[in-house]
Amino acid sequence: MEPRPEIREKLDLLPTRPGVYIYRDARGTIIYVGKAVNLRNRVRSYFHASAELTPKTLRLVSEIADLEIWPTDTELEALLLECNLIKKHKPKFNVRLKDDKRYPYIKVNWQDSFPKVLTTRQMEQDGARYFGPFTNSSAGVPDARHAPQGVPISHVRP
């Protein structure tokens, strides 16, 4: 699908670094937020004539009137920015992350005599220490074997 001339100009100037791209419709409404390791390659992939796009993606591309990019320093920054923008704007073509799911954190209750190590998706101002976020829920599973020597850890499940 051939992009509009104003989009074509932007495609030629895309950087090859990580970041987030935002597609808007003719009314200026955000219709899709995506992340990329390489913004140039990812964003251009929507407009290649040889691209095998799903019907949903073809509809998305047909509605794109403008494109905005937010370059980041790392892939993780792009992932977190994408998540926050989707939650804030709820674009109609983003089906994941609209349900207000959050990334998991490891929570350590240091204030307890025997600190508990838990996973949570909600950070609170409760005196505990939080580590994360983790992009993969199993990557942040607490494991007492990795606790520093001499730190008393409770092995009781909540």
N, C-alpha and C. Protein backbone atom coordinates (compact mmCIF):
# COMPACT_ATOMS: atom_id res chain seq x y z
N MET A 1 0.85 -1.17 0.00
CA MET A 1 0.00 0.00 0.00
C MET A 1 0.90 1.24 0.00
N GLU A 2 0.63 2.14 -0.90
CA GLU A 2 1.45 3.35 -1.05
C GLU A 2 1.01 4.40 -0.01
N PRO A 3 1.95 4.92 0.78
CA PRO A 3 1.58 5.92 1.79
C PRO A 3 1.30 7.28 1.17
N ARG A 4 0.61 8.11 1.91
CA ARG A 4 0.36 9.49 1.49
C ARG A 4 1.70 10.23 1.37
N PRO A 5 1.77 11.26 0.55
CA PRO A 5 3.04 11.98 0.34
C PRO A 5 3.67 12.52 1.63
N GLU A 6 2.85 13.03 2.55
CA GLU A 6 3.39 13.56 3.81
C GLU A 6 3.97 12.45 4.69
N ILE A 7 3.39 11.26 4.60
CA ILE A 7 3.92 10.10 5.33
C ILE A 7 5.22 9.64 4.66
N ARG A 8 5.24 9.62 3.33
CA ARG A 8 6.43 9.20 2.58
C ARG A 8 7.65 10.03 3.01
N GLU A 9 7.48 11.34 3.16
CA GLU A 9 8.58 12.21 3.59
C GLU A 9 9.09 11.80 4.97
N LYS A 10 8.18 11.50 5.88
CA LYS A 10 8.58 11.09 7.23
C LYS A 10 9.28 9.74 7.21
N LEU A 11 8.83 8.83 6.35
CA LEU A 11 9.45 7.50 6.26
C LEU A 11 10.92 7.62 5.85
N ASP A 12 11.23 8.58 5.00
CA ASP A 12 12.60 8.77 4.54
C ASP A 12 13.52 9.31 5.62
N LEU A 13 12.96 9.89 6.69
CA LEU A 13 13.77 10.51 7.74
C LEU A 13 13.82 9.70 9.04
N LEU A 14 13.23 8.51 9.04
CA LEU A 14 13.18 7.72 10.27
C LEU A 14 14.57 7.27 10.71
N PRO A 15 14.84 7.34 12.03
CA PRO A 15 16.12 6.85 12.55
C PRO A 15 16.14 5.34 12.67
N THR A 16 17.32 4.78 12.81
CA THR A 16 17.48 3.32 12.94
C THR A 16 17.66 2.92 14.40
N ARG A 17 17.14 3.67 15.30
CA ARG A 17 17.27 3.37 16.73
C ARG A 17 15.95 2.90 17.31
N PRO A 18 15.96 2.43 18.55
CA PRO A 18 14.70 1.99 19.18
C PRO A 18 13.77 3.16 19.44
N GLY A 19 12.50 2.84 19.60
CA GLY A 19 11.54 3.88 19.93
C GLY A 19 10.11 3.44 19.77
N VAL A 20 9.23 4.41 19.85
CA VAL A 20 7.79 4.19 19.75
C VAL A 20 7.29 4.98 18.56
N TYR A 21 6.35 4.40 17.81
CA TYR A 21 5.72 5.11 16.71
C TYR A 21 4.22 5.19 16.98
N ILE A 22 3.64 6.30 16.57
CA ILE A 22 2.22 6.57 16.80
C ILE A 22 1.57 6.89 15.46
N TYR A 23 0.49 6.18 15.16
CA TYR A 23 -0.27 6.45 13.95
C TYR A 23 -1.55 7.20 14.35
N ARG A 24 -1.87 8.24 13.57
CA ARG A 24 -3.08 9.02 13.81
C ARG A 24 -3.97 8.96 12.57
N ASP A 25 -5.27 9.09 12.78
CA ASP A 25 -6.20 9.13 11.65
C ASP A 25 -6.38 10.57 11.17
N ALA A 26 -7.28 10.79 10.23
CA ALA A 26 -7.50 12.11 9.65
C ALA A 26 -7.99 13.14 10.66
N ARG A 27 -8.62 12.68 11.74
CA ARG A 27 -9.09 13.59 12.79
C ARG A 27 -8.00 13.91 13.81
N GLY A 28 -6.84 13.24 13.69
CA GLY A 28 -5.76 13.45 14.65
C GLY A 28 -5.82 12.52 15.84
N THR A 29 -6.76 11.60 15.83
CA THR A 29 -6.91 10.63 16.92
C THR A 29 -5.85 9.55 16.80
N ILE A 30 -5.24 9.19 17.92
CA ILE A 30 -4.26 8.11 17.92
C ILE A 30 -5.00 6.79 17.70
N ILE A 31 -4.61 6.08 16.63
CA ILE A 31 -5.28 4.81 16.32
C ILE A 31 -4.38 3.61 16.58
N TYR A 32 -3.07 3.83 16.71
CA TYR A 32 -2.17 2.72 16.99
C TYR A 32 -0.87 3.24 17.60
N VAL A 33 -0.36 2.52 18.58
CA VAL A 33 0.95 2.79 19.19
C VAL A 33 1.75 1.51 19.09
N GLY A 34 2.96 1.60 18.57
CA GLY A 34 3.82 0.43 18.46
C GLY A 34 5.23 0.75 18.90
N LYS A 35 6.01 -0.29 19.15
CA LYS A 35 7.41 -0.11 19.54
C LYS A 35 8.28 -0.79 18.50
N ALA A 36 9.54 -0.37 18.46
CA ALA A 36 10.45 -0.96 17.48
C ALA A 36 11.87 -0.93 18.01
N VAL A 37 12.62 -1.97 17.67
CA VAL A 37 14.06 -2.00 17.93
C VAL A 37 14.74 -1.07 16.94
N ASN A 38 14.21 -1.04 15.71
CA ASN A 38 14.71 -0.19 14.64
C ASN A 38 13.50 0.50 14.02
N LEU A 39 13.30 1.78 14.37
CA LEU A 39 12.11 2.50 13.91
C LEU A 39 11.99 2.52 12.39
N ARG A 40 13.11 2.74 11.71
CA ARG A 40 13.06 2.82 10.24
C ARG A 40 12.51 1.53 9.64
N ASN A 41 13.07 0.40 10.03
CA ASN A 41 12.63 -0.88 9.46
C ASN A 41 11.19 -1.21 9.83
N ARG A 42 10.84 -1.02 11.09
CA ARG A 42 9.51 -1.42 11.55
C ARG A 42 8.41 -0.57 10.91
N VAL A 43 8.56 0.74 10.95
CA VAL A 43 7.50 1.61 10.44
C VAL A 43 7.37 1.45 8.93
N ARG A 44 8.47 1.34 8.22
CA ARG A 44 8.42 1.16 6.76
C ARG A 44 7.76 -0.16 6.37
N SER A 45 7.85 -1.17 7.25
CA SER A 45 7.31 -2.48 6.92
C SER A 45 5.80 -2.44 6.67
N TYR A 46 5.11 -1.48 7.24
CA TYR A 46 3.67 -1.36 7.03
C TYR A 46 3.33 -0.92 5.60
N PHE A 47 4.28 -0.28 4.92
CA PHE A 47 3.98 0.34 3.64
C PHE A 47 4.64 -0.33 2.44
N HIS A 48 5.34 -1.46 2.66
CA HIS A 48 5.95 -2.17 1.54
C HIS A 48 4.87 -2.86 0.70
N ALA A 49 5.01 -2.75 -0.60
CA ALA A 49 4.05 -3.40 -1.49
C ALA A 49 4.08 -4.91 -1.32
N SER A 50 5.25 -5.45 -0.98
CA SER A 50 5.38 -6.90 -0.85
C SER A 50 4.95 -7.42 0.52
N ALA A 51 4.62 -6.52 1.43
CA ALA A 51 4.25 -6.95 2.79
C ALA A 51 2.95 -7.75 2.76
N GLU A 52 2.96 -8.86 3.47
CA GLU A 52 1.76 -9.68 3.60
C GLU A 52 1.04 -9.27 4.88
N LEU A 53 0.13 -8.33 4.75
CA LEU A 53 -0.56 -7.78 5.90
C LEU A 53 -1.90 -8.45 6.12
N THR A 54 -2.27 -8.59 7.38
CA THR A 54 -3.58 -9.15 7.73
C THR A 54 -4.66 -8.13 7.36
N PRO A 55 -5.91 -8.57 7.24
CA PRO A 55 -6.99 -7.62 6.95
C PRO A 55 -7.05 -6.48 7.97
N LYS A 56 -6.83 -6.80 9.24
CA LYS A 56 -6.85 -5.77 10.29
C LYS A 56 -5.74 -4.74 10.05
N THR A 57 -4.55 -5.21 9.71
CA THR A 57 -3.43 -4.30 9.47
C THR A 57 -3.64 -3.49 8.21
N LEU A 58 -4.22 -4.09 7.18
CA LEU A 58 -4.56 -3.34 5.97
C LEU A 58 -5.53 -2.20 6.28
N ARG A 59 -6.51 -2.48 7.14
CA ARG A 59 -7.45 -1.44 7.54
C ARG A 59 -6.74 -0.34 8.32
N LEU A 60 -5.85 -0.74 9.23
CA LEU A 60 -5.05 0.24 9.98
C LEU A 60 -4.29 1.14 9.01
N VAL A 61 -3.55 0.56 8.09
CA VAL A 61 -2.72 1.32 7.16
C VAL A 61 -3.58 2.27 6.32
N SER A 62 -4.77 1.82 5.94
CA SER A 62 -5.64 2.68 5.12
C SER A 62 -6.12 3.90 5.91
N GLU A 63 -6.12 3.82 7.23
CA GLU A 63 -6.60 4.94 8.06
C GLU A 63 -5.48 5.86 8.53
N ILE A 64 -4.22 5.51 8.30
CA ILE A 64 -3.10 6.33 8.78
C ILE A 64 -3.02 7.62 7.98
N ALA A 65 -3.17 8.75 8.70
CA ALA A 65 -3.06 10.06 8.07
C ALA A 65 -1.80 10.78 8.52
N ASP A 66 -1.27 10.37 9.68
CA ASP A 66 -0.05 11.00 10.20
C ASP A 66 0.70 10.01 11.06
N LEU A 67 1.98 10.28 11.21
CA LEU A 67 2.85 9.40 11.97
C LEU A 67 3.76 10.25 12.83
N GLU A 68 3.97 9.78 14.04
CA GLU A 68 4.83 10.48 15.00
C GLU A 68 5.76 9.44 15.60
N ILE A 69 7.01 9.81 15.85
CA ILE A 69 7.93 8.87 16.48
C ILE A 69 8.52 9.49 17.74
N TRP A 70 8.82 8.61 18.69
CA TRP A 70 9.49 9.00 19.92
C TRP A 70 10.69 8.09 20.08
N PRO A 71 11.87 8.48 19.61
CA PRO A 71 13.06 7.64 19.77
C PRO A 71 13.41 7.48 21.25
N THR A 72 13.97 6.33 21.59
CA THR A 72 14.42 6.05 22.96
C THR A 72 15.86 5.55 22.90
N ASP A 73 16.46 5.44 24.06
CA ASP A 73 17.84 4.95 24.12
C ASP A 73 17.92 3.43 24.12
N THR A 74 16.86 2.77 24.65
CA THR A 74 16.90 1.32 24.75
C THR A 74 15.56 0.71 24.36
N GLU A 75 15.58 -0.59 24.10
CA GLU A 75 14.35 -1.33 23.80
C GLU A 75 13.41 -1.33 25.00
N LEU A 76 13.96 -1.44 26.21
CA LEU A 76 13.14 -1.46 27.41
C LEU A 76 12.40 -0.14 27.58
N GLU A 77 13.09 0.98 27.34
CA GLU A 77 12.42 2.28 27.40
C GLU A 77 11.27 2.34 26.40
N ALA A 78 11.49 1.82 25.20
CA ALA A 78 10.45 1.81 24.17
C ALA A 78 9.26 0.97 24.64
N LEU A 79 9.53 -0.17 25.22
CA LEU A 79 8.47 -1.05 25.70
C LEU A 79 7.62 -0.37 26.77
N LEU A 80 8.28 0.26 27.73
CA LEU A 80 7.55 0.91 28.81
C LEU A 80 6.78 2.13 28.31
N LEU A 81 7.38 2.89 27.40
CA LEU A 81 6.69 4.05 26.82
C LEU A 81 5.46 3.60 26.03
N GLU A 82 5.63 2.54 25.24
CA GLU A 82 4.49 2.01 24.48
C GLU A 82 3.36 1.62 25.43
N CYS A 83 3.69 0.91 26.47
CA CYS A 83 2.69 0.47 27.45
C CYS A 83 1.94 1.65 28.04
N ASN A 84 2.68 2.68 28.44
CA ASN A 84 2.05 3.85 29.05
C ASN A 84 1.17 4.61 28.06
N LEU A 85 1.63 4.74 26.82
CA LEU A 85 0.83 5.45 25.81
C LEU A 85 -0.44 4.69 25.46
N ILE A 86 -0.36 3.37 25.39
CA ILE A 86 -1.56 2.57 25.10
C ILE A 86 -2.57 2.70 26.24
N LYS A 87 -2.09 2.65 27.46
CA LYS A 87 -3.00 2.79 28.61
C LYS A 87 -3.65 4.17 28.62
N LYS A 88 -2.89 5.19 28.26
CA LYS A 88 -3.40 6.56 28.30
C LYS A 88 -4.40 6.84 27.17
N HIS A 89 -4.07 6.42 25.94
CA HIS A 89 -4.87 6.80 24.78
C HIS A 89 -5.85 5.73 24.30
N LYS A 90 -5.63 4.47 24.68
CA LYS A 90 -6.49 3.35 24.29
C LYS A 90 -6.80 3.34 22.79
N PRO A 91 -5.77 3.27 21.95
CA PRO A 91 -5.99 3.28 20.50
C PRO A 91 -6.82 2.08 20.05
N LYS A 92 -7.68 2.31 19.05
CA LYS A 92 -8.61 1.25 18.65
C LYS A 92 -7.93 0.05 18.02
N PHE A 93 -6.74 0.20 17.44
CA PHE A 93 -6.07 -0.93 16.82
C PHE A 93 -5.11 -1.67 17.76
N ASN A 94 -4.91 -1.17 18.95
CA ASN A 94 -4.11 -1.90 19.94
C ASN A 94 -5.06 -2.75 20.77
N VAL A 95 -4.90 -4.07 20.67
CA VAL A 95 -5.79 -4.95 21.41
C VAL A 95 -5.19 -5.39 22.73
N ARG A 96 -3.86 -5.40 22.83
CA ARG A 96 -3.20 -5.79 24.08
C ARG A 96 -2.93 -4.54 24.91
N LEU A 97 -2.84 -4.71 26.21
CA LEU A 97 -2.51 -3.68 27.20
C LEU A 97 -3.62 -2.67 27.43
N LYS A 98 -4.77 -2.81 26.79
CA LYS A 98 -5.88 -1.90 27.05
C LYS A 98 -6.57 -2.24 28.36
N ASP A 99 -6.40 -3.47 28.81
CA ASP A 99 -7.15 -3.94 29.98
C ASP A 99 -6.47 -3.55 31.29
N ASP A 100 -5.60 -2.55 31.25
CA ASP A 100 -4.94 -2.00 32.42
C ASP A 100 -4.06 -3.02 33.14
N LYS A 101 -3.55 -4.00 32.42
CA LYS A 101 -2.57 -4.89 33.03
C LYS A 101 -1.29 -4.11 33.22
N ARG A 102 -0.55 -4.46 34.22
CA ARG A 102 0.70 -3.78 34.52
C ARG A 102 1.83 -4.79 34.52
N TYR A 103 3.03 -4.28 34.37
CA TYR A 103 4.19 -5.16 34.41
C TYR A 103 4.47 -5.58 35.85
N PRO A 104 4.98 -6.79 36.03
CA PRO A 104 5.26 -7.27 37.39
C PRO A 104 6.52 -6.67 37.99
N TYR A 105 6.51 -6.55 39.31
CA TYR A 105 7.64 -6.11 40.10
C TYR A 105 7.92 -7.16 41.17
N ILE A 106 9.12 -7.18 41.68
CA ILE A 106 9.42 -7.96 42.87
C ILE A 106 9.30 -7.02 44.05
N LYS A 107 8.58 -7.44 45.06
CA LYS A 107 8.37 -6.64 46.27
C LYS A 107 9.06 -7.34 47.43
N VAL A 108 9.90 -6.60 48.15
CA VAL A 108 10.58 -7.13 49.33
C VAL A 108 10.14 -6.32 50.53
N ASN A 109 9.52 -7.00 51.49
CA ASN A 109 9.05 -6.34 52.71
C ASN A 109 10.19 -6.27 53.72
N TRP A 110 11.09 -5.31 53.56
CA TRP A 110 12.26 -5.19 54.44
C TRP A 110 11.86 -4.84 55.87
N GLN A 111 10.70 -4.25 56.06
CA GLN A 111 10.29 -3.82 57.39
C GLN A 111 9.91 -5.00 58.29
N ASP A 112 9.70 -6.19 57.74
CA ASP A 112 9.37 -7.37 58.52
C ASP A 112 10.63 -8.00 59.11
N SER A 113 10.49 -8.72 60.23
CA SER A 113 11.63 -9.42 60.84
C SER A 113 12.24 -10.41 59.85
N PHE A 114 11.38 -11.11 59.13
CA PHE A 114 11.81 -12.01 58.08
C PHE A 114 11.18 -11.50 56.79
N PRO A 115 11.95 -10.74 56.01
CA PRO A 115 11.37 -10.12 54.80
C PRO A 115 10.74 -11.13 53.86
N LYS A 116 9.57 -10.78 53.37
CA LYS A 116 8.88 -11.60 52.38
C LYS A 116 9.24 -11.08 50.99
N VAL A 117 9.41 -12.01 50.06
CA VAL A 117 9.67 -11.65 48.66
C VAL A 117 8.46 -12.11 47.87
N LEU A 118 7.81 -11.16 47.20
CA LEU A 118 6.57 -11.43 46.48
C LEU A 118 6.65 -10.82 45.08
N THR A 119 5.75 -11.24 44.20
CA THR A 119 5.57 -10.53 42.94
C THR A 119 4.27 -9.76 43.04
N THR A 120 4.25 -8.60 42.41
CA THR A 120 3.07 -7.75 42.42
C THR A 120 3.03 -6.94 41.14
N ARG A 121 1.87 -6.49 40.78
CA ARG A 121 1.73 -5.60 39.62
C ARG A 121 1.34 -4.19 40.07
N GLN A 122 1.30 -3.97 41.38
CA GLN A 122 0.90 -2.68 41.93
C GLN A 122 1.96 -2.22 42.92
N MET A 123 2.56 -1.06 42.65
CA MET A 123 3.52 -0.48 43.61
C MET A 123 2.74 0.38 44.60
N GLU A 124 3.10 0.27 45.86
CA GLU A 124 2.42 1.03 46.91
C GLU A 124 3.46 1.75 47.76
N GLN A 125 3.05 2.77 48.47
CA GLN A 125 3.91 3.47 49.41
C GLN A 125 3.76 2.78 50.77
N ASP A 126 4.40 1.62 50.91
CA ASP A 126 4.20 0.81 52.10
C ASP A 126 5.51 0.45 52.81
N GLY A 127 6.60 1.10 52.45
CA GLY A 127 7.89 0.83 53.09
C GLY A 127 8.64 -0.34 52.48
N ALA A 128 8.02 -1.06 51.57
CA ALA A 128 8.69 -2.18 50.91
C ALA A 128 9.60 -1.65 49.81
N ARG A 129 10.50 -2.50 49.35
CA ARG A 129 11.39 -2.13 48.23
C ARG A 129 10.90 -2.89 47.00
N TYR A 130 10.80 -2.18 45.87
CA TYR A 130 10.30 -2.77 44.63
C TYR A 130 11.42 -2.83 43.60
N PHE A 131 11.49 -3.94 42.87
CA PHE A 131 12.47 -4.13 41.81
C PHE A 131 11.72 -4.43 40.52
N GLY A 132 12.13 -3.79 39.45
CA GLY A 132 11.47 -4.01 38.17
C GLY A 132 11.24 -2.70 37.48
N PRO A 133 10.36 -2.65 36.53
CA PRO A 133 9.43 -3.69 36.10
C PRO A 133 10.11 -4.75 35.25
N PHE A 134 9.47 -5.91 35.18
CA PHE A 134 9.93 -7.01 34.36
C PHE A 134 8.98 -7.16 33.19
N THR A 135 9.55 -7.26 32.00
CA THR A 135 8.71 -7.37 30.81
C THR A 135 8.15 -8.76 30.62
N ASN A 136 8.76 -9.74 31.25
CA ASN A 136 8.31 -11.12 31.19
C ASN A 136 7.94 -11.51 32.61
N SER A 137 6.71 -11.92 32.84
CA SER A 137 6.27 -12.19 34.20
C SER A 137 7.07 -13.28 34.88
N SER A 138 7.58 -14.26 34.15
CA SER A 138 8.36 -15.31 34.79
C SER A 138 9.79 -14.86 35.08
N ALA A 139 10.25 -13.78 34.44
CA ALA A 139 11.61 -13.30 34.68
C ALA A 139 11.73 -12.69 36.07
N GLY A 140 10.62 -12.22 36.64
CA GLY A 140 10.68 -11.58 37.93
C GLY A 140 10.19 -12.44 39.07
N VAL A 141 10.14 -13.75 38.89
CA VAL A 141 9.68 -14.63 39.95
C VAL A 141 10.72 -14.66 41.07
N PRO A 142 10.32 -14.31 42.29
CA PRO A 142 11.28 -14.29 43.39
C PRO A 142 11.86 -15.67 43.65
N ASP A 143 13.12 -15.71 43.95
CA ASP A 143 13.81 -16.96 44.23
C ASP A 143 14.80 -16.70 45.36
N ALA A 144 14.54 -17.30 46.51
CA ALA A 144 15.37 -17.06 47.69
C ALA A 144 16.82 -17.47 47.47
N ARG A 145 17.08 -18.35 46.49
CA ARG A 145 18.47 -18.76 46.22
C ARG A 145 19.32 -17.59 45.75
N HIS A 146 18.69 -16.52 45.24
CA HIS A 146 19.43 -15.38 44.74
C HIS A 146 19.53 -14.24 45.75
N ALA A 147 19.00 -14.45 46.95
CA ALA A 147 19.07 -13.43 47.98
C ALA A 147 20.51 -13.34 48.50
N PRO A 148 20.92 -12.15 48.93
CA PRO A 148 22.28 -12.01 49.49
C PRO A 148 22.48 -12.90 50.71
N GLN A 149 23.68 -13.40 50.89
CA GLN A 149 24.02 -14.24 52.05
C GLN A 149 23.70 -13.48 53.34
N GLY A 150 23.11 -14.15 54.29
CA GLY A 150 22.84 -13.54 55.59
C GLY A 150 21.54 -12.78 55.67
N VAL A 151 20.80 -12.67 54.58
CA VAL A 151 19.52 -11.98 54.62
C VAL A 151 18.44 -13.01 54.94
N PRO A 152 17.74 -12.82 56.08
CA PRO A 152 16.70 -13.80 56.43
C PRO A 152 15.48 -13.63 55.52
N ILE A 153 15.11 -14.68 54.82
CA ILE A 153 13.99 -14.66 53.90
C ILE A 153 12.91 -15.61 54.39
N SER A 154 11.67 -15.16 54.42
CA SER A 154 10.56 -16.01 54.79
C SER A 154 10.22 -16.91 53.60
N HIS A 155 10.05 -18.20 53.86
CA HIS A 155 9.72 -19.14 52.81
C HIS A 155 8.24 -19.52 52.85
N VAL A 156 7.44 -18.79 53.62
CA VAL A 156 6.03 -19.06 53.74
C VAL A 156 5.27 -18.37 52.61
N ARG A 157 4.43 -19.13 51.95
CA ARG A 157 3.62 -18.55 50.86
C ARG A 157 2.47 -17.73 51.47
N PRO A 158 2.17 -16.57 50.87
CA PRO A 158 1.07 -15.77 51.39
C PRO A 158 -0.27 -16.41 51.13
